[in-house]
PDB file of all heavy atoms in Angstrom:
ATOM      1  N   ASP A   1     -54.307  36.793   3.849  1.00  0.00           N
ATOM      2  CA  ASP A   1     -55.612  36.710   3.225  1.00  0.00           C
ATOM      3  C   ASP A   1     -56.585  37.627   3.930  1.00  0.00           C
ATOM      4  O   ASP A   1     -56.633  37.591   5.178  1.00  0.00           O
ATOM      5  CB  ASP A   1     -56.109  35.248   3.265  1.00  0.00           C
ATOM      6  CG  ASP A   1     -57.389  35.061   2.470  1.00  0.00           C
ATOM      7  OD1 ASP A   1     -58.452  35.293   3.034  1.00  0.00           O
ATOM      8  OD2 ASP A   1     -57.278  34.718   1.256  1.00  0.00           O
ATOM      9  N   ARG A   2     -57.320  38.463   3.223  1.00  0.00           N
ATOM     10  CA  ARG A   2     -58.254  39.401   3.806  1.00  0.00           C
ATOM     11  C   ARG A   2     -59.653  38.839   3.800  1.00  0.00           C
ATOM     12  O   ARG A   2     -60.602  39.482   3.404  1.00  0.00           O
ATOM     13  CB  ARG A   2     -58.229  40.744   3.076  1.00  0.00           C
ATOM     14  CG  ARG A   2     -56.914  41.472   3.126  1.00  0.00           C
ATOM     15  CD  ARG A   2     -56.792  42.344   4.354  1.00  0.00           C
ATOM     16  NE  ARG A   2     -57.690  43.458   4.329  1.00  0.00           N
ATOM     17  CZ  ARG A   2     -57.413  44.688   4.747  1.00  0.00           C
ATOM     18  NH1 ARG A   2     -56.227  44.934   5.194  1.00  0.00           N
ATOM     19  NH2 ARG A   2     -58.300  45.616   4.702  1.00  0.00           N
ATOM     20  N   PHE A   3     -59.801  37.589   4.277  1.00  0.00           N
ATOM     21  CA  PHE A   3     -61.101  36.914   4.338  1.00  0.00           C
ATOM     22  C   PHE A   3     -61.748  36.823   2.933  1.00  0.00           C
ATOM     23  O   PHE A   3     -62.910  37.089   2.774  1.00  0.00           O
ATOM     24  CB  PHE A   3     -62.022  37.574   5.344  1.00  0.00           C
ATOM     25  CG  PHE A   3     -61.487  37.503   6.743  1.00  0.00           C
ATOM     26  CD1 PHE A   3     -60.607  38.496   7.232  1.00  0.00           C
ATOM     27  CD2 PHE A   3     -61.794  36.447   7.575  1.00  0.00           C
ATOM     28  CE1 PHE A   3     -60.089  38.422   8.505  1.00  0.00           C
ATOM     29  CE2 PHE A   3     -61.279  36.377   8.884  1.00  0.00           C
ATOM     30  CZ  PHE A   3     -60.429  37.344   9.319  1.00  0.00           C
ATOM     31  N   SER A   4     -60.927  36.385   1.966  1.00  0.00           N
ATOM     32  CA  SER A   4     -61.375  36.291   0.588  1.00  0.00           C
ATOM     33  C   SER A   4     -62.356  35.115   0.447  1.00  0.00           C
ATOM     34  O   SER A   4     -62.347  34.195   1.266  1.00  0.00           O
ATOM     35  CB  SER A   4     -60.177  36.098  -0.349  1.00  0.00           C
ATOM     36  OG  SER A   4     -59.562  34.857  -0.083  1.00  0.00           O
ATOM     37  N   GLY A   5     -63.149  35.175  -0.626  1.00  0.00           N
ATOM     38  CA  GLY A   5     -64.123  34.123  -0.865  1.00  0.00           C
ATOM     39  C   GLY A   5     -63.503  32.782  -1.250  1.00  0.00           C
ATOM     40  O   GLY A   5     -64.007  31.739  -0.886  1.00  0.00           O
ATOM     41  N   ASN A   6     -62.414  32.838  -2.024  1.00  0.00           N
ATOM     42  CA  ASN A   6     -61.840  31.562  -2.557  1.00  0.00           C
ATOM     43  C   ASN A   6     -60.500  31.251  -1.956  1.00  0.00           C
ATOM     44  O   ASN A   6     -59.841  30.287  -2.393  1.00  0.00           O
ATOM     45  CB  ASN A   6     -61.715  31.654  -4.085  1.00  0.00           C
ATOM     46  CG  ASN A   6     -63.068  31.605  -4.727  1.00  0.00           C
ATOM     47  OD1 ASN A   6     -63.951  30.859  -4.316  1.00  0.00           O
ATOM     48  ND2 ASN A   6     -63.293  32.412  -5.752  1.00  0.00           N
ATOM     49  N   GLY A   7     -60.011  32.021  -0.989  1.00  0.00           N
ATOM     50  CA  GLY A   7     -58.793  31.690  -0.282  1.00  0.00           C
ATOM     51  C   GLY A   7     -57.523  32.015  -1.042  1.00  0.00           C
ATOM     52  O   GLY A   7     -57.519  32.414  -2.206  1.00  0.00           O
ATOM     53  N   THR A   8     -56.376  31.810  -0.340  1.00  0.00           N
ATOM     54  CA  THR A   8     -55.054  32.090  -0.849  1.00  0.00           C
ATOM     55  C   THR A   8     -54.156  30.943  -0.480  1.00  0.00           C
ATOM     56  O   THR A   8     -54.193  30.426   0.650  1.00  0.00           O
ATOM     57  CB  THR A   8     -54.517  33.404  -0.211  1.00  0.00           C
ATOM     58  OG1 THR A   8     -55.437  34.457  -0.472  1.00  0.00           O
ATOM     59  CG2 THR A   8     -53.144  33.746  -0.771  1.00  0.00           C
ATOM     60  N   ILE A   9     -53.322  30.501  -1.437  1.00  0.00           N
ATOM     61  CA  ILE A   9     -52.368  29.425  -1.201  1.00  0.00           C
ATOM     62  C   ILE A   9     -50.968  29.919  -1.540  1.00  0.00           C
ATOM     63  O   ILE A   9     -50.768  30.546  -2.585  1.00  0.00           O
ATOM     64  CB  ILE A   9     -52.710  28.173  -2.075  1.00  0.00           C
ATOM     65  CG1 ILE A   9     -54.079  27.623  -1.678  1.00  0.00           C
ATOM     66  CG2 ILE A   9     -51.644  27.084  -1.935  1.00  0.00           C
ATOM     67  CD1 ILE A   9     -54.596  26.524  -2.548  1.00  0.00           C
ATOM     68  N   VAL A  10     -50.008  29.633  -0.661  1.00  0.00           N
ATOM     69  CA  VAL A  10     -48.604  29.971  -0.895  1.00  0.00           C
ATOM     70  C   VAL A  10     -47.849  28.673  -1.178  1.00  0.00           C
ATOM     71  O   VAL A  10     -47.883  27.742  -0.374  1.00  0.00           O
ATOM     72  CB  VAL A  10     -47.975  30.683   0.325  1.00  0.00           C
ATOM     73  CG1 VAL A  10     -46.505  30.933   0.080  1.00  0.00           C
ATOM     74  CG2 VAL A  10     -48.686  31.987   0.612  1.00  0.00           C
ATOM     75  N   ARG A  11     -47.222  28.574  -2.349  1.00  0.00           N
ATOM     76  CA  ARG A  11     -46.428  27.410  -2.746  1.00  0.00           C
ATOM     77  C   ARG A  11     -44.964  27.817  -2.716  1.00  0.00           C
ATOM     78  O   ARG A  11     -44.525  28.659  -3.479  1.00  0.00           O
ATOM     79  CB  ARG A  11     -46.824  26.918  -4.136  1.00  0.00           C
ATOM     80  CG  ARG A  11     -48.250  26.421  -4.179  1.00  0.00           C
ATOM     81  CD  ARG A  11     -48.559  25.675  -5.478  1.00  0.00           C
ATOM     82  NE  ARG A  11     -49.939  25.324  -5.522  1.00  0.00           N
ATOM     83  CZ  ARG A  11     -50.488  24.251  -4.974  1.00  0.00           C
ATOM     84  NH1 ARG A  11     -49.711  23.433  -4.293  1.00  0.00           N
ATOM     85  NH2 ARG A  11     -51.764  23.997  -5.078  1.00  0.00           N
ATOM     86  N   HIS A  12     -44.197  27.146  -1.841  1.00  0.00           N
ATOM     87  CA  HIS A  12     -42.781  27.446  -1.654  1.00  0.00           C
ATOM     88  C   HIS A  12     -41.941  26.686  -2.685  1.00  0.00           C
ATOM     89  O   HIS A  12     -42.395  25.739  -3.311  1.00  0.00           O
ATOM     90  CB  HIS A  12     -42.313  27.093  -0.228  1.00  0.00           C
ATOM     91  CG  HIS A  12     -43.041  27.882   0.816  1.00  0.00           C
ATOM     92  ND1 HIS A  12     -42.696  29.172   1.113  1.00  0.00           N
ATOM     93  CD2 HIS A  12     -44.073  27.583   1.618  1.00  0.00           C
ATOM     94  CE1 HIS A  12     -43.459  29.645   2.080  1.00  0.00           C
ATOM     95  NE2 HIS A  12     -44.308  28.702   2.387  1.00  0.00           N
ATOM     96  N   LEU A  13     -40.689  27.101  -2.850  1.00  0.00           N
ATOM     97  CA  LEU A  13     -39.785  26.477  -3.806  1.00  0.00           C
ATOM     98  C   LEU A  13     -39.526  24.993  -3.494  1.00  0.00           C
ATOM     99  O   LEU A  13     -39.297  24.190  -4.383  1.00  0.00           O
ATOM    100  CB  LEU A  13     -38.451  27.195  -3.820  1.00  0.00           C
ATOM    101  CG  LEU A  13     -38.447  28.551  -4.542  1.00  0.00           C
ATOM    102  CD1 LEU A  13     -37.113  29.246  -4.386  1.00  0.00           C
ATOM    103  CD2 LEU A  13     -38.792  28.354  -6.007  1.00  0.00           C
ATOM    104  N   ASP A  14     -39.600  24.615  -2.209  1.00  0.00           N
ATOM    105  CA  ASP A  14     -39.343  23.209  -1.852  1.00  0.00           C
ATOM    106  C   ASP A  14     -40.541  22.300  -2.119  1.00  0.00           C
ATOM    107  O   ASP A  14     -40.531  21.132  -1.825  1.00  0.00           O
ATOM    108  CB  ASP A  14     -38.925  23.099  -0.389  1.00  0.00           C
ATOM    109  CG  ASP A  14     -39.988  23.536   0.603  1.00  0.00           C
ATOM    110  OD1 ASP A  14     -41.111  23.891   0.155  1.00  0.00           O
ATOM    111  OD2 ASP A  14     -39.722  23.527   1.813  1.00  0.00           O
ATOM    112  N   GLY A  15     -41.625  22.882  -2.659  1.00  0.00           N
ATOM    113  CA  GLY A  15     -42.808  22.086  -3.022  1.00  0.00           C
ATOM    114  C   GLY A  15     -43.901  22.100  -1.981  1.00  0.00           C
ATOM    115  O   GLY A  15     -44.991  21.575  -2.246  1.00  0.00           O
ATOM    116  N   THR A  16     -43.649  22.622  -0.806  1.00  0.00           N
ATOM    117  CA  THR A  16     -44.689  22.681   0.225  1.00  0.00           C
ATOM    118  C   THR A  16     -45.705  23.755  -0.130  1.00  0.00           C
ATOM    119  O   THR A  16     -45.356  24.778  -0.713  1.00  0.00           O
ATOM    120  CB  THR A  16     -44.097  22.976   1.619  1.00  0.00           C
ATOM    121  OG1 THR A  16     -43.448  24.228   1.595  1.00  0.00           O
ATOM    122  CG2 THR A  16     -43.182  21.873   2.067  1.00  0.00           C
ATOM    123  N   ALA A  17     -46.944  23.496   0.237  1.00  0.00           N
ATOM    124  CA  ALA A  17     -48.024  24.453  -0.016  1.00  0.00           C
ATOM    125  C   ALA A  17     -48.743  24.703   1.276  1.00  0.00           C
ATOM    126  O   ALA A  17     -48.980  23.792   2.075  1.00  0.00           O
ATOM    127  CB  ALA A  17     -48.975  23.905  -1.070  1.00  0.00           C
ATOM    128  N   VAL A  18     -49.117  25.973   1.486  1.00  0.00           N
ATOM    129  CA  VAL A  18     -49.799  26.383   2.690  1.00  0.00           C
ATOM    130  C   VAL A  18     -51.059  27.130   2.332  1.00  0.00           C
ATOM    131  O   VAL A  18     -50.978  28.128   1.569  1.00  0.00           O
ATOM    132  CB  VAL A  18     -48.901  27.290   3.577  1.00  0.00           C
ATOM    133  CG1 VAL A  18     -49.638  27.750   4.825  1.00  0.00           C
ATOM    134  CG2 VAL A  18     -47.633  26.588   3.949  1.00  0.00           C
ATOM    135  N   ARG A  19     -52.221  26.679   2.804  1.00  0.00           N
ATOM    136  CA  ARG A  19     -53.465  27.439   2.614  1.00  0.00           C
ATOM    137  C   ARG A  19     -53.497  28.476   3.725  1.00  0.00           C
ATOM    138  O   ARG A  19     -53.377  28.180   4.912  1.00  0.00           O
ATOM    139  CB  ARG A  19     -54.687  26.553   2.741  1.00  0.00           C
ATOM    140  CG  ARG A  19     -55.990  27.327   2.595  1.00  0.00           C
ATOM    141  CD  ARG A  19     -57.186  26.426   2.457  1.00  0.00           C
ATOM    142  NE  ARG A  19     -57.251  25.683   1.240  1.00  0.00           N
ATOM    143  CZ  ARG A  19     -57.650  26.192   0.072  1.00  0.00           C
ATOM    144  NH1 ARG A  19     -57.987  27.421  -0.023  1.00  0.00           N
ATOM    145  NH2 ARG A  19     -57.634  25.407  -0.982  1.00  0.00           N
ATOM    146  N   CYS A  20     -53.584  29.776   3.345  1.00  0.00           N
ATOM    147  CA  CYS A  20     -53.511  30.876   4.274  1.00  0.00           C
ATOM    148  C   CYS A  20     -54.759  30.994   5.118  1.00  0.00           C
ATOM    149  O   CYS A  20     -55.888  31.010   4.579  1.00  0.00           O
ATOM    150  CB  CYS A  20     -53.276  32.191   3.549  1.00  0.00           C
ATOM    151  SG  CYS A  20     -51.705  32.215   2.645  1.00  0.00           S
ATOM    152  N   GLU A  21     -54.557  31.042   6.403  1.00  0.00           N
ATOM    153  CA  GLU A  21     -55.684  31.291   7.331  1.00  0.00           C
ATOM    154  C   GLU A  21     -55.986  32.797   7.283  1.00  0.00           C
ATOM    155  O   GLU A  21     -55.054  33.615   7.399  1.00  0.00           O
ATOM    156  CB  GLU A  21     -55.208  30.885   8.721  1.00  0.00           C
ATOM    157  CG  GLU A  21     -56.277  31.025   9.791  1.00  0.00           C
ATOM    158  CD  GLU A  21     -55.705  30.574  11.149  1.00  0.00           C
ATOM    159  OE1 GLU A  21     -55.038  29.548  11.197  1.00  0.00           O
ATOM    160  OE2 GLU A  21     -55.994  31.295  12.095  1.00  0.00           O
ATOM    161  N   PRO A  22     -57.248  33.199   7.070  1.00  0.00           N
ATOM    162  CA  PRO A  22     -57.551  34.625   6.973  1.00  0.00           C
ATOM    163  C   PRO A  22     -57.070  35.446   8.151  1.00  0.00           C
ATOM    164  O   PRO A  22     -57.161  35.016   9.309  1.00  0.00           O
ATOM    165  CB  PRO A  22     -59.069  34.639   6.885  1.00  0.00           C
ATOM    166  CG  PRO A  22     -59.442  33.323   6.322  1.00  0.00           C
ATOM    167  CD  PRO A  22     -58.421  32.363   6.897  1.00  0.00           C
ATOM    168  N   GLY A  23     -56.458  36.599   7.841  1.00  0.00           N
ATOM    169  CA  GLY A  23     -55.978  37.494   8.869  1.00  0.00           C
ATOM    170  C   GLY A  23     -54.579  37.176   9.404  1.00  0.00           C
ATOM    171  O   GLY A  23     -54.005  37.981  10.119  1.00  0.00           O
ATOM    172  N   ARG A  24     -53.987  36.060   9.038  1.00  0.00           N
ATOM    173  CA  ARG A  24     -52.652  35.671   9.543  1.00  0.00           C
ATOM    174  C   ARG A  24     -51.623  35.921   8.431  1.00  0.00           C
ATOM    175  O   ARG A  24     -51.863  35.661   7.269  1.00  0.00           O
ATOM    176  CB  ARG A  24     -52.693  34.195   9.901  1.00  0.00           C
ATOM    177  CG  ARG A  24     -51.423  33.717  10.498  1.00  0.00           C
ATOM    178  CD  ARG A  24     -51.566  32.318  11.007  1.00  0.00           C
ATOM    179  NE  ARG A  24     -50.278  31.822  11.432  1.00  0.00           N
ATOM    180  CZ  ARG A  24     -49.972  30.569  11.578  1.00  0.00           C
ATOM    181  NH1 ARG A  24     -50.879  29.649  11.372  1.00  0.00           N
ATOM    182  NH2 ARG A  24     -48.761  30.207  11.959  1.00  0.00           N
ATOM    183  N   ARG A  25     -50.449  36.426   8.839  1.00  0.00           N
ATOM    184  CA  ARG A  25     -49.382  36.737   7.871  1.00  0.00           C
ATOM    185  C   ARG A  25     -48.554  35.514   7.614  1.00  0.00           C
ATOM    186  O   ARG A  25     -48.153  34.794   8.538  1.00  0.00           O
ATOM    187  CB  ARG A  25     -48.495  37.860   8.421  1.00  0.00           C
ATOM    188  CG  ARG A  25     -49.237  39.168   8.530  1.00  0.00           C
ATOM    189  CD  ARG A  25     -48.339  40.218   9.123  1.00  0.00           C
ATOM    190  NE  ARG A  25     -49.040  41.509   9.170  1.00  0.00           N
ATOM    191  CZ  ARG A  25     -48.510  42.605   9.637  1.00  0.00           C
ATOM    192  NH1 ARG A  25     -47.270  42.626  10.066  1.00  0.00           N
ATOM    193  NH2 ARG A  25     -49.255  43.721   9.656  1.00  0.00           N
ATOM    194  N   TYR A  26     -48.186  35.321   6.345  1.00  0.00           N
ATOM    195  CA  TYR A  26     -47.346  34.212   5.900  1.00  0.00           C
ATOM    196  C   TYR A  26     -46.172  34.792   5.085  1.00  0.00           C
ATOM    197  O   TYR A  26     -46.381  35.574   4.139  1.00  0.00           O
ATOM    198  CB  TYR A  26     -48.120  33.235   5.022  1.00  0.00           C
ATOM    199  CG  TYR A  26     -49.204  32.512   5.786  1.00  0.00           C
ATOM    200  CD1 TYR A  26     -50.448  33.064   5.961  1.00  0.00           C
ATOM    201  CD2 TYR A  26     -48.944  31.252   6.331  1.00  0.00           C
ATOM    202  CE1 TYR A  26     -51.444  32.398   6.663  1.00  0.00           C
ATOM    203  CE2 TYR A  26     -49.925  30.598   7.071  1.00  0.00           C
ATOM    204  CZ  TYR A  26     -51.163  31.187   7.227  1.00  0.00           C
ATOM    205  OH  TYR A  26     -52.151  30.534   7.941  1.00  0.00           O
ATOM    206  N   LEU A  27     -44.945  34.370   5.422  1.00  0.00           N
ATOM    207  CA  LEU A  27     -43.771  34.826   4.702  1.00  0.00           C
ATOM    208  C   LEU A  27     -43.743  34.155   3.338  1.00  0.00           C
ATOM    209  O   LEU A  27     -44.050  32.946   3.223  1.00  0.00           O
ATOM    210  CB  LEU A  27     -42.485  34.518   5.495  1.00  0.00           C
ATOM    211  CG  LEU A  27     -42.276  35.299   6.745  1.00  0.00           C
ATOM    212  CD1 LEU A  27     -41.031  34.826   7.482  1.00  0.00           C
ATOM    213  CD2 LEU A  27     -42.184  36.782   6.466  1.00  0.00           C
ATOM    214  N   VAL A  28     -43.350  34.945   2.316  1.00  0.00           N
ATOM    215  CA  VAL A  28     -43.325  34.449   0.970  1.00  0.00           C
ATOM    216  C   VAL A  28     -41.912  34.743   0.406  1.00  0.00           C
ATOM    217  O   VAL A  28     -41.676  35.814  -0.108  1.00  0.00           O
ATOM    218  CB  VAL A  28     -44.380  35.110   0.065  1.00  0.00           C
ATOM    219  CG1 VAL A  28     -44.372  34.519  -1.333  1.00  0.00           C
ATOM    220  CG2 VAL A  28     -45.762  35.001   0.702  1.00  0.00           C
ATOM    221  N   PRO A  29     -40.970  33.807   0.561  1.00  0.00           N
ATOM    222  CA  PRO A  29     -39.630  34.021   0.036  1.00  0.00           C
ATOM    223  C   PRO A  29     -39.611  34.193  -1.464  1.00  0.00           C
ATOM    224  O   PRO A  29     -40.532  33.730  -2.156  1.00  0.00           O
ATOM    225  CB  PRO A  29     -38.867  32.748   0.442  1.00  0.00           C
ATOM    226  CG  PRO A  29     -39.714  32.091   1.491  1.00  0.00           C
ATOM    227  CD  PRO A  29     -41.100  32.503   1.219  1.00  0.00           C
ATOM    228  N   ARG A  30     -38.591  34.875  -1.952  1.00  0.00           N
ATOM    229  CA  ARG A  30     -38.485  35.102  -3.390  1.00  0.00           C
ATOM    230  C   ARG A  30     -38.479  33.741  -4.126  1.00  0.00           C
ATOM    231  O   ARG A  30     -37.896  32.805  -3.655  1.00  0.00           O
ATOM    232  CB  ARG A  30     -37.220  35.899  -3.714  1.00  0.00           C
ATOM    233  CG  ARG A  30     -37.291  37.329  -3.162  1.00  0.00           C
ATOM    234  CD  ARG A  30     -36.061  38.119  -3.487  1.00  0.00           C
ATOM    235  NE  ARG A  30     -36.013  39.342  -2.722  1.00  0.00           N
ATOM    236  CZ  ARG A  30     -36.534  40.501  -3.101  1.00  0.00           C
ATOM    237  NH1 ARG A  30     -37.119  40.590  -4.281  1.00  0.00           N
ATOM    238  NH2 ARG A  30     -36.417  41.576  -2.360  1.00  0.00           N
ATOM    239  N   GLY A  31     -39.203  33.685  -5.237  1.00  0.00           N
ATOM    240  CA  GLY A  31     -39.351  32.462  -6.000  1.00  0.00           C
ATOM    241  C   GLY A  31     -40.610  31.696  -5.666  1.00  0.00           C
ATOM    242  O   GLY A  31     -40.996  30.783  -6.367  1.00  0.00           O
ATOM    243  N   SER A  32     -41.270  32.054  -4.569  1.00  0.00           N
ATOM    244  CA  SER A  32     -42.514  31.396  -4.180  1.00  0.00           C
ATOM    245  C   SER A  32     -43.671  31.823  -5.072  1.00  0.00           C
ATOM    246  O   SER A  32     -43.635  32.887  -5.672  1.00  0.00           O
ATOM    247  CB  SER A  32     -42.831  31.663  -2.729  1.00  0.00           C
ATOM    248  OG  SER A  32     -41.845  31.165  -1.884  1.00  0.00           O
ATOM    249  N   HIS A  33     -44.679  31.004  -5.116  1.00  0.00           N
ATOM    250  CA  HIS A  33     -45.841  31.165  -5.982  1.00  0.00           C
ATOM    251  C   HIS A  33     -47.080  31.395  -5.069  1.00  0.00           C
ATOM    252  O   HIS A  33     -47.286  30.630  -4.157  1.00  0.00           O
ATOM    253  CB  HIS A  33     -46.007  29.895  -6.769  1.00  0.00           C
ATOM    254  CG  HIS A  33     -47.004  29.951  -7.860  1.00  0.00           C
ATOM    255  ND1 HIS A  33     -46.723  30.369  -9.118  1.00  0.00           N
ATOM    256  CD2 HIS A  33     -48.314  29.583  -7.871  1.00  0.00           C
ATOM    257  CE1 HIS A  33     -47.784  30.299  -9.865  1.00  0.00           C
ATOM    258  NE2 HIS A  33     -48.800  29.809  -9.122  1.00  0.00           N
ATOM    259  N   VAL A  34     -47.822  32.498  -5.300  1.00  0.00           N
ATOM    260  CA  VAL A  34     -49.022  32.774  -4.486  1.00  0.00           C
ATOM    261  C   VAL A  34     -50.231  32.652  -5.394  1.00  0.00           C
ATOM    262  O   VAL A  34     -50.348  33.312  -6.419  1.00  0.00           O
ATOM    263  CB  VAL A  34     -48.931  34.215  -3.861  1.00  0.00           C
ATOM    264  CG1 VAL A  34     -50.199  34.489  -3.055  1.00  0.00           C
ATOM    265  CG2 VAL A  34     -47.697  34.333  -3.012  1.00  0.00           C
TER     266      VAL A  34
END
């Protein structure tokens, strides 16, 4: 996330969701929803 106004969420295939901390990299395996 590049310090966006409304944030970024990564939803993995196993159902877990992660709200991205600005400036930090998060792996997004194939099939995941951003």
